[in-house]
């Protein structure tokens, strides 16, 4: 159980996963723009950890300027139902808890 938690722990990992669900392939700059508040250093660190754990694949295209893309592995994509259930759970929370669990839209 600790290994499962270790794979998902980190302030930005779940947000990254939600950005990549559905087979979406995202460039680093697109991920950075879509996650307000994340620093470049932290995004790189979290992506590297997810890659090392086999959840995310990093594709480097040999071109100038460099193009790096990320997408979920099949194993990473298999997390989708569990995280969807987590969102449903948060949406069903009583109002006072929900305001703390689900941030207001930007």
PDB file of N, CA and C in Angstrom:
ATOM      1  N   UNK A   1       0.820  -1.202   0.000  1.00  0.00           N
ATOM      2  CA  UNK A   1       0.000   0.000   0.000  1.00  0.00           C
ATOM      3  C   UNK A   1       0.862   1.263   0.000  1.00  0.00           C
ATOM      4  N   UNK A   2       1.965   1.249   0.734  1.00  0.00           N
ATOM      5  CA  UNK A   2       2.832   2.429   0.786  1.00  0.00           C
ATOM      6  C   UNK A   2       3.395   2.763  -0.589  1.00  0.00           C
ATOM      7  N   UNK A   3       3.704   1.737  -1.388  1.00  0.00           N
ATOM      8  CA  UNK A   3       4.234   1.991  -2.726  1.00  0.00           C
ATOM      9  C   UNK A   3       3.193   2.656  -3.619  1.00  0.00           C
ATOM     10  N   UNK A   4       1.942   2.255  -3.474  1.00  0.00           N
ATOM     11  CA  UNK A   4       0.867   2.873  -4.257  1.00  0.00           C
ATOM     12  C   UNK A   4       0.741   4.343  -3.876  1.00  0.00           C
ATOM     13  N   UNK A   5       0.749   4.612  -2.594  1.00  0.00           N
ATOM     14  CA  UNK A   5       0.643   5.994  -2.124  1.00  0.00           C
ATOM     15  C   UNK A   5       1.843   6.801  -2.592  1.00  0.00           C
ATOM     16  N   UNK A   6       3.029   6.213  -2.564  1.00  0.00           N
ATOM     17  CA  UNK A   6       4.238   6.916  -2.995  1.00  0.00           C
ATOM     18  C   UNK A   6       4.135   7.324  -4.464  1.00  0.00           C
ATOM     19  N   UNK A   7       3.567   6.463  -5.297  1.00  0.00           N
ATOM     20  CA  UNK A   7       3.431   6.774  -6.726  1.00  0.00           C
ATOM     21  C   UNK A   7       2.536   8.000  -6.924  1.00  0.00           C
ATOM     22  N   UNK A   8       1.495   8.144  -6.114  1.00  0.00           N
ATOM     23  CA  UNK A   8       0.520   9.217  -6.305  1.00  0.00           C
ATOM     24  C   UNK A   8       0.744  10.436  -5.423  1.00  0.00           C
ATOM     25  N   UNK A   9       1.610  10.308  -4.408  1.00  0.00           N
ATOM     26  CA  UNK A   9       1.785  11.455  -3.521  1.00  0.00           C
ATOM     27  C   UNK A   9       2.605  12.533  -4.211  1.00  0.00           C
ATOM     28  N   UNK A  10       2.340  13.727  -3.841  1.00  0.00           N
ATOM     29  CA  UNK A  10       2.983  14.881  -4.448  1.00  0.00           C
ATOM     30  C   UNK A  10       1.902  15.879  -4.803  1.00  0.00           C
ATOM     31  N   UNK A  11       2.191  17.119  -4.574  1.00  0.00           N
ATOM     32  CA  UNK A  11       1.177  18.152  -4.732  1.00  0.00           C
ATOM     33  C   UNK A  11       0.567  18.196  -6.131  1.00  0.00           C
ATOM     34  N   UNK A  12       1.349  17.898  -7.158  1.00  0.00           N
ATOM     35  CA  UNK A  12       0.895  18.109  -8.525  1.00  0.00           C
ATOM     36  C   UNK A  12       0.622  16.829  -9.307  1.00  0.00           C
ATOM     37  N   UNK A  13       0.937  15.670  -8.766  1.00  0.00           N
ATOM     38  CA  UNK A  13       0.822  14.434  -9.547  1.00  0.00           C
ATOM     39  C   UNK A  13      -0.600  14.148 -10.010  1.00  0.00           C
ATOM     40  N   UNK A  14      -1.566  14.289  -9.139  1.00  0.00           N
ATOM     41  CA  UNK A  14      -2.948  14.009  -9.547  1.00  0.00           C
ATOM     42  C   UNK A  14      -3.419  15.005 -10.600  1.00  0.00           C
ATOM     43  N   UNK A  15      -3.005  16.253 -10.463  1.00  0.00           N
ATOM     44  CA  UNK A  15      -3.376  17.270 -11.453  1.00  0.00           C
ATOM     45  C   UNK A  15      -2.763  16.919 -12.807  1.00  0.00           C
ATOM     46  N   UNK A  16      -1.511  16.488 -12.801  1.00  0.00           N
ATOM     47  CA  UNK A  16      -0.841  16.062 -14.037  1.00  0.00           C
ATOM     48  C   UNK A  16      -1.601  14.898 -14.664  1.00  0.00           C
ATOM     49  N   UNK A  17      -1.955  13.916 -13.846  1.00  0.00           N
ATOM     50  CA  UNK A  17      -2.677  12.751 -14.364  1.00  0.00           C
ATOM     51  C   UNK A  17      -3.997  13.157 -15.009  1.00  0.00           C
ATOM     52  N   UNK A  18      -4.744  14.047 -14.352  1.00  0.00           N
ATOM     53  CA  UNK A  18      -6.014  14.494 -14.927  1.00  0.00           C
ATOM     54  C   UNK A  18      -5.791  15.208 -16.260  1.00  0.00           C
ATOM     55  N   UNK A  19      -4.691  15.929 -16.399  1.00  0.00           N
ATOM     56  CA  UNK A  19      -4.388  16.620 -17.658  1.00  0.00           C
ATOM     57  C   UNK A  19      -4.071  15.639 -18.788  1.00  0.00           C
ATOM     58  N   UNK A  20      -3.590  14.444 -18.433  1.00  0.00           N
ATOM     59  CA  UNK A  20      -3.171  13.472 -19.440  1.00  0.00           C
ATOM     60  C   UNK A  20      -4.198  12.367 -19.700  1.00  0.00           C
ATOM     61  N   UNK A  21      -5.274  12.319 -18.918  1.00  0.00           N
ATOM     62  CA  UNK A  21      -6.274  11.271 -19.100  1.00  0.00           C
ATOM     63  C   UNK A  21      -6.914  11.347 -20.477  1.00  0.00           C
ATOM     64  N   UNK A  22      -7.465  10.248 -20.903  1.00  0.00           N
ATOM     65  CA  UNK A  22      -8.157  10.181 -22.175  1.00  0.00           C
ATOM     66  C   UNK A  22      -7.222  10.061 -23.357  1.00  0.00           C
ATOM     67  N   UNK A  23      -5.995   9.656 -23.097  1.00  0.00           N
ATOM     68  CA  UNK A  23      -5.037   9.482 -24.185  1.00  0.00           C
ATOM     69  C   UNK A  23      -4.425  10.767 -24.690  1.00  0.00           C
ATOM     70  N   UNK A  24      -4.624  11.849 -23.947  1.00  0.00           N
ATOM     71  CA  UNK A  24      -4.069  13.125 -24.391  1.00  0.00           C
ATOM     72  C   UNK A  24      -2.548  13.115 -24.322  1.00  0.00           C
ATOM     73  N   UNK A  25      -1.938  13.650 -25.344  1.00  0.00           N
ATOM     74  CA  UNK A  25      -0.490  13.842 -25.388  1.00  0.00           C
ATOM     75  C   UNK A  25      -0.265  15.336 -25.214  1.00  0.00           C
ATOM     76  N   UNK A  26       0.582  15.696 -24.247  1.00  0.00           N
ATOM     77  CA  UNK A  26       0.791  17.110 -23.956  1.00  0.00           C
ATOM     78  C   UNK A  26       2.269  17.450 -23.970  1.00  0.00           C
ATOM     79  N   UNK A  27       2.578  18.581 -24.555  1.00  0.00           N
ATOM     80  CA  UNK A  27       3.935  19.106 -24.476  1.00  0.00           C
ATOM     81  C   UNK A  27       4.147  19.668 -23.080  1.00  0.00           C
ATOM     82  N   UNK A  28       5.419  19.752 -22.678  1.00  0.00           N
ATOM     83  CA  UNK A  28       5.735  20.274 -21.352  1.00  0.00           C
ATOM     84  C   UNK A  28       5.129  21.663 -21.169  1.00  0.00           C
ATOM     85  N   UNK A  29       5.299  22.526 -22.155  1.00  0.00           N
ATOM     86  CA  UNK A  29       4.797  23.902 -22.034  1.00  0.00           C
ATOM     87  C   UNK A  29       3.273  23.939 -21.893  1.00  0.00           C
ATOM     88  N   UNK A  30       2.581  23.022 -22.552  1.00  0.00           N
ATOM     89  CA  UNK A  30       1.119  22.960 -22.421  1.00  0.00           C
ATOM     90  C   UNK A  30       0.716  22.530 -21.013  1.00  0.00           C
ATOM     91  N   UNK A  31       1.434  21.542 -20.481  1.00  0.00           N
ATOM     92  CA  UNK A  31       1.164  21.117 -19.104  1.00  0.00           C
ATOM     93  C   UNK A  31       1.411  22.264 -18.136  1.00  0.00           C
ATOM     94  N   UNK A  32       2.516  22.951 -18.329  1.00  0.00           N
ATOM     95  CA  UNK A  32       2.870  24.060 -17.442  1.00  0.00           C
ATOM     96  C   UNK A  32       1.786  25.141 -17.462  1.00  0.00           C
ATOM     97  N   UNK A  33       1.276  25.463 -18.639  1.00  0.00           N
ATOM     98  CA  UNK A  33       0.220  26.478 -18.759  1.00  0.00           C
ATOM     99  C   UNK A  33      -1.102  26.008 -18.152  1.00  0.00           C
ATOM    100  N   UNK A  34      -1.371  24.725 -18.239  1.00  0.00           N
ATOM    101  CA  UNK A  34      -2.670  24.217 -17.784  1.00  0.00           C
ATOM    102  C   UNK A  34      -2.726  23.952 -16.282  1.00  0.00           C
ATOM    103  N   UNK A  35      -1.586  24.088 -15.602  1.00  0.00           N
ATOM    104  CA  UNK A  35      -1.544  23.843 -14.155  1.00  0.00           C
ATOM    105  C   UNK A  35      -1.071  25.121 -13.463  1.00  0.00           C
ATOM    106  N   UNK A  36      -1.979  26.033 -13.152  1.00  0.00           N
ATOM    107  CA  UNK A  36      -1.590  27.293 -12.519  1.00  0.00           C
ATOM    108  C   UNK A  36      -0.910  27.049 -11.170  1.00  0.00           C
ATOM    109  N   UNK A  37       0.165  27.774 -10.945  1.00  0.00           N
ATOM    110  CA  UNK A  37       0.845  27.702  -9.655  1.00  0.00           C
ATOM    111  C   UNK A  37       1.995  26.725  -9.582  1.00  0.00           C
ATOM    112  N   UNK A  38       2.134  25.831 -10.551  1.00  0.00           N
ATOM    113  CA  UNK A  38       3.237  24.872 -10.510  1.00  0.00           C
ATOM    114  C   UNK A  38       4.488  25.538 -11.073  1.00  0.00           C
ATOM    115  N   UNK A  39       5.609  25.332 -10.400  1.00  0.00           N
ATOM    116  CA  UNK A  39       6.873  25.849 -10.922  1.00  0.00           C
ATOM    117  C   UNK A  39       7.425  24.867 -11.946  1.00  0.00           C
ATOM    118  N   UNK A  40       8.266  25.373 -12.819  1.00  0.00           N
ATOM    119  CA  UNK A  40       8.883  24.522 -13.829  1.00  0.00           C
ATOM    120  C   UNK A  40       9.673  23.393 -13.165  1.00  0.00           C
ATOM    121  N   UNK A  41      10.412  23.738 -12.120  1.00  0.00           N
ATOM    122  CA  UNK A  41      11.225  22.747 -11.402  1.00  0.00           C
ATOM    123  C   UNK A  41      10.352  21.638 -10.815  1.00  0.00           C
ATOM    124  N   UNK A  42       9.253  22.017 -10.185  1.00  0.00           N
ATOM    125  CA  UNK A  42       8.374  21.033  -9.554  1.00  0.00           C
ATOM    126  C   UNK A  42       7.673  20.171 -10.595  1.00  0.00           C
ATOM    127  N   UNK A  43       7.262  20.769 -11.705  1.00  0.00           N
ATOM    128  CA  UNK A  43       6.607  20.003 -12.760  1.00  0.00           C
ATOM    129  C   UNK A  43       7.570  18.969 -13.334  1.00  0.00           C
ATOM    130  N   UNK A  44       8.805  19.369 -13.573  1.00  0.00           N
ATOM    131  CA  UNK A  44       9.818  18.433 -14.070  1.00  0.00           C
ATOM    132  C   UNK A  44      10.017  17.294 -13.077  1.00  0.00           C
ATOM    133  N   UNK A  45      10.133  17.636 -11.797  1.00  0.00           N
ATOM    134  CA  UNK A  45      10.361  16.621 -10.758  1.00  0.00           C
ATOM    135  C   UNK A  45       9.206  15.622 -10.701  1.00  0.00           C
ATOM    136  N   UNK A  46       7.981  16.124 -10.704  1.00  0.00           N
ATOM    137  CA  UNK A  46       6.818  15.246 -10.601  1.00  0.00           C
ATOM    138  C   UNK A  46       6.681  14.374 -11.853  1.00  0.00           C
ATOM    139  N   UNK A  47       6.936  14.945 -13.036  1.00  0.00           N
ATOM    140  CA  UNK A  47       6.884  14.162 -14.272  1.00  0.00           C
ATOM    141  C   UNK A  47       7.954  13.078 -14.283  1.00  0.00           C
ATOM    142  N   UNK A  48       9.148  13.392 -13.819  1.00  0.00           N
ATOM    143  CA  UNK A  48      10.220  12.387 -13.767  1.00  0.00           C
ATOM    144  C   UNK A  48       9.858  11.241 -12.833  1.00  0.00           C
ATOM    145  N   UNK A  49       9.243  11.567 -11.689  1.00  0.00           N
ATOM    146  CA  UNK A  49       8.833  10.517 -10.756  1.00  0.00           C
ATOM    147  C   UNK A  49       7.749   9.641 -11.375  1.00  0.00           C
ATOM    148  N   UNK A  50       6.782  10.255 -12.028  1.00  0.00           N
ATOM    149  CA  UNK A  50       5.724   9.483 -12.680  1.00  0.00           C
ATOM    150  C   UNK A  50       6.292   8.618 -13.797  1.00  0.00           C
ATOM    151  N   UNK A  51       7.279   9.138 -14.513  1.00  0.00           N
ATOM    152  CA  UNK A  51       7.929   8.358 -15.565  1.00  0.00           C
ATOM    153  C   UNK A  51       8.701   7.182 -14.965  1.00  0.00           C
ATOM    154  N   UNK A  52       9.449   7.431 -13.895  1.00  0.00           N
ATOM    155  CA  UNK A  52      10.220   6.366 -13.241  1.00  0.00           C
ATOM    156  C   UNK A  52       9.310   5.273 -12.694  1.00  0.00           C
ATOM    157  N   UNK A  53       8.102   5.650 -12.292  1.00  0.00           N
ATOM    158  CA  UNK A  53       7.148   4.681 -11.747  1.00  0.00           C
ATOM    159  C   UNK A  53       6.323   3.992 -12.832  1.00  0.00           C
ATOM    160  N   UNK A  54       6.564   4.328 -14.093  1.00  0.00           N
ATOM    161  CA  UNK A  54       5.875   3.655 -15.187  1.00  0.00           C
ATOM    162  C   UNK A  54       4.475   4.152 -15.464  1.00  0.00           C
ATOM    163  N   UNK A  55       4.145   5.337 -14.960  1.00  0.00           N
ATOM    164  CA  UNK A  55       2.803   5.883 -15.134  1.00  0.00           C
ATOM    165  C   UNK A  55       2.734   6.795 -16.363  1.00  0.00           C
ATOM    166  N   UNK A  56       3.833   7.480 -16.642  1.00  0.00           N
ATOM    167  CA  UNK A  56       3.905   8.450 -17.736  1.00  0.00           C
ATOM    168  C   UNK A  56       5.056   8.078 -18.659  1.00  0.00           C
ATOM    169  N   UNK A  57       4.867   8.303 -19.939  1.00  0.00           N
ATOM    170  CA  UNK A  57       5.934   8.128 -20.926  1.00  0.00           C
ATOM    171  C   UNK A  57       6.351   9.501 -21.432  1.00  0.00           C
ATOM    172  N   UNK A  58       7.655   9.680 -21.545  1.00  0.00           N
ATOM    173  CA  UNK A  58       8.232  10.928 -22.061  1.00  0.00           C
ATOM    174  C   UNK A  58       8.789  10.639 -23.448  1.00  0.00           C
ATOM    175  N   UNK A  59       8.374  11.437 -24.416  1.00  0.00           N
ATOM    176  CA  UNK A  59       8.845  11.277 -25.791  1.00  0.00           C
ATOM    177  C   UNK A  59       9.619  12.530 -26.178  1.00  0.00           C
ATOM    178  N   UNK A  60      10.880  12.349 -26.562  1.00  0.00           N
ATOM    179  CA  UNK A  60      11.712  13.465 -27.003  1.00  0.00           C
ATOM    180  C   UNK A  60      11.834  13.379 -28.518  1.00  0.00           C
ATOM    181  N   UNK A  61      11.407  14.423 -29.200  1.00  0.00           N
ATOM    182  CA  UNK A  61      11.512  14.488 -30.657  1.00  0.00           C
ATOM    183  C   UNK A  61      12.803  15.220 -31.009  1.00  0.00           C
ATOM    184  N   UNK A  62      13.657  14.603 -31.832  1.00  0.00           N
ATOM    185  CA  UNK A  62      14.939  15.224 -32.177  1.00  0.00           C
ATOM    186  C   UNK A  62      14.754  16.351 -33.199  1.00  0.00           C
ATOM    187  N   UNK A  63      14.476  17.515 -32.699  1.00  0.00           N
ATOM    188  CA  UNK A  63      14.300  18.667 -33.570  1.00  0.00           C
ATOM    189  C   UNK A  63      14.738  19.919 -32.835  1.00  0.00           C
ATOM    190  N   UNK A  64      14.854  21.015 -33.564  1.00  0.00           N
ATOM    191  CA  UNK A  64      15.206  22.300 -32.971  1.00  0.00           C
ATOM    192  C   UNK A  64      14.047  23.245 -33.247  1.00  0.00           C
ATOM    193  N   UNK A  65      13.484  23.872 -32.209  1.00  0.00           N
ATOM    194  CA  UNK A  65      13.772  23.680 -30.786  1.00  0.00           C
ATOM    195  C   UNK A  65      13.287  22.313 -30.311  1.00  0.00           C
ATOM    196  N   UNK A  66      13.827  21.854 -29.188  1.00  0.00           N
ATOM    197  CA  UNK A  66      13.457  20.527 -28.687  1.00  0.00           C
ATOM    198  C   UNK A  66      11.946  20.429 -28.435  1.00  0.00           C
ATOM    199  N   UNK A  67      11.402  19.280 -28.735  1.00  0.00           N
ATOM    200  CA  UNK A  67       9.979  19.026 -28.496  1.00  0.00           C
ATOM    201  C   UNK A  67       9.876  17.790 -27.619  1.00  0.00           C
ATOM    202  N   UNK A  68       9.303  17.967 -26.430  1.00  0.00           N
ATOM    203  CA  UNK A  68       9.124  16.870 -25.484  1.00  0.00           C
ATOM    204  C   UNK A  68       7.635  16.749 -25.199  1.00  0.00           C
ATOM    205  N   UNK A  69       7.135  15.533 -25.314  1.00  0.00           N
ATOM    206  CA  UNK A  69       5.720  15.275 -25.061  1.00  0.00           C
ATOM    207  C   UNK A  69       5.569  14.204 -23.990  1.00  0.00           C
ATOM    208  N   UNK A  70       4.446  14.260 -23.303  1.00  0.00           N
ATOM    209  CA  UNK A  70       4.139  13.299 -22.250  1.00  0.00           C
ATOM    210  C   UNK A  70       2.766  12.699 -22.507  1.00  0.00           C
ATOM    211  N   UNK A  71       2.640  11.428 -22.181  1.00  0.00           N
ATOM    212  CA  UNK A  71       1.329  10.778 -22.200  1.00  0.00           C
ATOM    213  C   UNK A  71       1.346   9.644 -21.185  1.00  0.00           C
ATOM    214  N   UNK A  72       0.157   9.196 -20.823  1.00  0.00           N
ATOM    215  CA  UNK A  72       0.045   8.109 -19.858  1.00  0.00           C
ATOM    216  C   UNK A  72       0.365   6.780 -20.520  1.00  0.00           C
ATOM    217  N   UNK A  73       1.016   5.920 -19.773  1.00  0.00           N
ATOM    218  CA  UNK A  73       1.181   4.536 -20.209  1.00  0.00           C
ATOM    219  C   UNK A  73      -0.180   3.854 -20.067  1.00  0.00           C
ATOM    220  N   UNK A  74      -0.302   2.647 -20.562  1.00  0.00           N
ATOM    221  CA  UNK A  74      -1.553   1.904 -20.367  1.00  0.00           C
ATOM    222  C   UNK A  74      -1.843   1.742 -18.882  1.00  0.00           C
ATOM    223  N   UNK A  75      -0.793   1.484 -18.114  1.00  0.00           N
ATOM    224  CA  UNK A  75      -0.958   1.325 -16.666  1.00  0.00           C
ATOM    225  C   UNK A  75      -1.418   2.633 -16.035  1.00  0.00           C
ATOM    226  N   UNK A  76      -0.844   3.741 -16.479  1.00  0.00           N
ATOM    227  CA  UNK A  76      -1.266   5.047 -15.977  1.00  0.00           C
ATOM    228  C   UNK A  76      -2.709   5.350 -16.344  1.00  0.00           C
ATOM    229  N   UNK A  77      -3.091   5.006 -17.562  1.00  0.00           N
ATOM    230  CA  UNK A  77      -4.466   5.239 -18.006  1.00  0.00           C
ATOM    231  C   UNK A  77      -5.452   4.395 -17.197  1.00  0.00           C
ATOM    232  N   UNK A  78      -4.995   3.249 -16.701  1.00  0.00           N
ATOM    233  CA  UNK A  78      -5.883   2.388 -15.908  1.00  0.00           C
ATOM    234  C   UNK A  78      -6.247   3.016 -14.564  1.00  0.00           C
ATOM    235  N   UNK A  79      -5.576   4.100 -14.180  1.00  0.00           N
ATOM    236  CA  UNK A  79      -5.930   4.828 -12.958  1.00  0.00           C
ATOM    237  C   UNK A  79      -7.203   5.660 -13.130  1.00  0.00           C
ATOM    238  N   UNK A  80      -7.599   5.902 -14.352  1.00  0.00           N
ATOM    239  CA  UNK A  80      -8.729   6.789 -14.633  1.00  0.00           C
ATOM    240  C   UNK A  80      -9.991   6.439 -13.839  1.00  0.00           C
ATOM    241  N   UNK A  81     -10.452   5.192 -13.830  1.00  0.00           N
ATOM    242  CA  UNK A  81     -11.673   4.892 -13.069  1.00  0.00           C
ATOM    243  C   UNK A  81     -11.542   5.196 -11.570  1.00  0.00           C
ATOM    244  N   UNK A  82     -10.386   4.920 -11.003  1.00  0.00           N
ATOM    245  CA  UNK A  82     -10.189   5.178  -9.572  1.00  0.00           C
ATOM    246  C   UNK A  82     -10.227   6.677  -9.282  1.00  0.00           C
ATOM    247  N   UNK A  83      -9.605   7.468 -10.134  1.00  0.00           N
ATOM    248  CA  UNK A  83      -9.588   8.908  -9.904  1.00  0.00           C
ATOM    249  C   UNK A  83     -10.930   9.549 -10.243  1.00  0.00           C
ATOM    250  N   UNK A  84     -11.649   8.992 -11.202  1.00  0.00           N
ATOM    251  CA  UNK A  84     -13.018   9.452 -11.453  1.00  0.00           C
ATOM    252  C   UNK A  84     -13.887   9.212 -10.219  1.00  0.00           C
ATOM    253  N   UNK A  85     -13.709   8.061  -9.591  1.00  0.00           N
ATOM    254  CA  UNK A  85     -14.457   7.755  -8.364  1.00  0.00           C
ATOM    255  C   UNK A  85     -14.112   8.751  -7.262  1.00  0.00           C
ATOM    256  N   UNK A  86     -12.859   9.159  -7.194  1.00  0.00           N
ATOM    257  CA  UNK A  86     -12.434  10.148  -6.200  1.00  0.00           C
ATOM    258  C   UNK A  86     -13.133  11.490  -6.448  1.00  0.00           C
ATOM    259  N   UNK A  87     -13.240  11.892  -7.698  1.00  0.00           N
ATOM    260  CA  UNK A  87     -13.944  13.138  -8.023  1.00  0.00           C
ATOM    261  C   UNK A  87     -15.423  13.053  -7.660  1.00  0.00           C
ATOM    262  N   UNK A  88     -16.049  11.926  -7.954  1.00  0.00           N
ATOM    263  CA  UNK A  88     -17.463  11.739  -7.601  1.00  0.00           C
ATOM    264  C   UNK A  88     -17.640  11.819  -6.094  1.00  0.00           C
ATOM    265  N   UNK A  89     -16.730  11.184  -5.361  1.00  0.00           N
ATOM    266  CA  UNK A  89     -16.772  11.235  -3.902  1.00  0.00           C
ATOM    267  C   UNK A  89     -16.686  12.678  -3.421  1.00  0.00           C
ATOM    268  N   UNK A  90     -15.775  13.457  -3.991  1.00  0.00           N
ATOM    269  CA  UNK A  90     -15.604  14.853  -3.578  1.00  0.00           C
ATOM    270  C   UNK A  90     -16.846  15.680  -3.905  1.00  0.00           C
ATOM    271  N   UNK A  91     -17.456  15.421  -5.060  1.00  0.00           N
ATOM    272  CA  UNK A  91     -18.646  16.171  -5.457  1.00  0.00           C
ATOM    273  C   UNK A  91     -19.856  15.847  -4.592  1.00  0.00           C
ATOM    274  N   UNK A  92     -19.879  14.680  -3.958  1.00  0.00           N
ATOM    275  CA  UNK A  92     -21.003  14.277  -3.123  1.00  0.00           C
ATOM    276  C   UNK A  92     -20.821  14.678  -1.661  1.00  0.00           C
ATOM    277  N   UNK A  93     -19.723  15.319  -1.356  1.00  0.00           N
ATOM    278  CA  UNK A  93     -19.457  15.724   0.024  1.00  0.00           C
ATOM    279  C   UNK A  93     -20.444  16.809   0.445  1.00  0.00           C
ATOM    280  N   UNK A  94     -20.728  16.888   1.753  1.00  0.00           N
ATOM    281  CA  UNK A  94     -21.559  17.993   2.239  1.00  0.00           C
ATOM    282  C   UNK A  94     -20.926  19.336   1.845  1.00  0.00           C
ATOM    283  N   UNK A  95     -21.743  20.363   1.740  1.00  0.00           N
ATOM    284  CA  UNK A  95     -21.307  21.664   1.215  1.00  0.00           C
ATOM    285  C   UNK A  95     -20.055  22.198   1.904  1.00  0.00           C
ATOM    286  N   UNK A  96     -19.978  22.101   3.237  1.00  0.00           N
ATOM    287  CA  UNK A  96     -18.818  22.682   3.936  1.00  0.00           C
ATOM    288  C   UNK A  96     -17.520  21.947   3.596  1.00  0.00           C
ATOM    289  N   UNK A  97     -17.583  20.635   3.399  1.00  0.00           N
ATOM    290  CA  UNK A  97     -16.386  19.900   2.982  1.00  0.00           C
ATOM    291  C   UNK A  97     -16.094  20.118   1.499  1.00  0.00           C
ATOM    292  N   UNK A  98     -17.141  20.172   0.694  1.00  0.00           N
ATOM    293  CA  UNK A  98     -16.961  20.317  -0.752  1.00  0.00           C
ATOM    294  C   UNK A  98     -16.217  21.608  -1.084  1.00  0.00           C
ATOM    295  N   UNK A  99     -16.496  22.679  -0.361  1.00  0.00           N
ATOM    296  CA  UNK A  99     -15.817  23.947  -0.646  1.00  0.00           C
ATOM    297  C   UNK A  99     -14.316  23.836  -0.398  1.00  0.00           C
ATOM    298  N   UNK A 100     -13.905  22.923   0.457  1.00  0.00           N
ATOM    299  CA  UNK A 100     -12.470  22.722   0.705  1.00  0.00           C
ATOM    300  C   UNK A 100     -11.868  21.709  -0.253  1.00  0.00           C
ATOM    301  N   UNK A 101     -12.676  20.780  -0.768  1.00  0.00           N
ATOM    302  CA  UNK A 101     -12.175  19.717  -1.636  1.00  0.00           C
ATOM    303  C   UNK A 101     -12.101  20.119  -3.100  1.00  0.00           C
ATOM    304  N   UNK A 102     -13.063  20.903  -3.548  1.00  0.00           N
ATOM    305  CA  UNK A 102     -13.153  21.238  -4.967  1.00  0.00           C
ATOM    306  C   UNK A 102     -12.928  22.739  -5.117  1.00  0.00           C
ATOM    307  N   UNK A 103     -11.807  23.132  -5.722  1.00  0.00           N
ATOM    308  CA  UNK A 103     -11.532  24.569  -5.867  1.00  0.00           C
ATOM    309  C   UNK A 103     -12.498  25.230  -6.839  1.00  0.00           C
ATOM    310  N   UNK A 104     -12.679  26.519  -6.641  1.00  0.00           N
ATOM    311  CA  UNK A 104     -13.506  27.298  -7.554  1.00  0.00           C
ATOM    312  C   UNK A 104     -12.828  27.361  -8.917  1.00  0.00           C
ATOM    313  N   UNK A 105     -13.599  27.389 -10.003  1.00  0.00           N
ATOM    314  CA  UNK A 105     -12.998  27.534 -11.339  1.00  0.00           C
ATOM    315  C   UNK A 105     -12.225  28.837 -11.437  1.00  0.00           C
ATOM    316  N   UNK A 106     -11.155  28.814 -12.227  1.00  0.00           N
ATOM    317  CA  UNK A 106     -10.336  30.023 -12.403  1.00  0.00           C
ATOM    318  C   UNK A 106     -10.991  30.996 -13.351  1.00  0.00           C
TER     319      UNK A 106
END
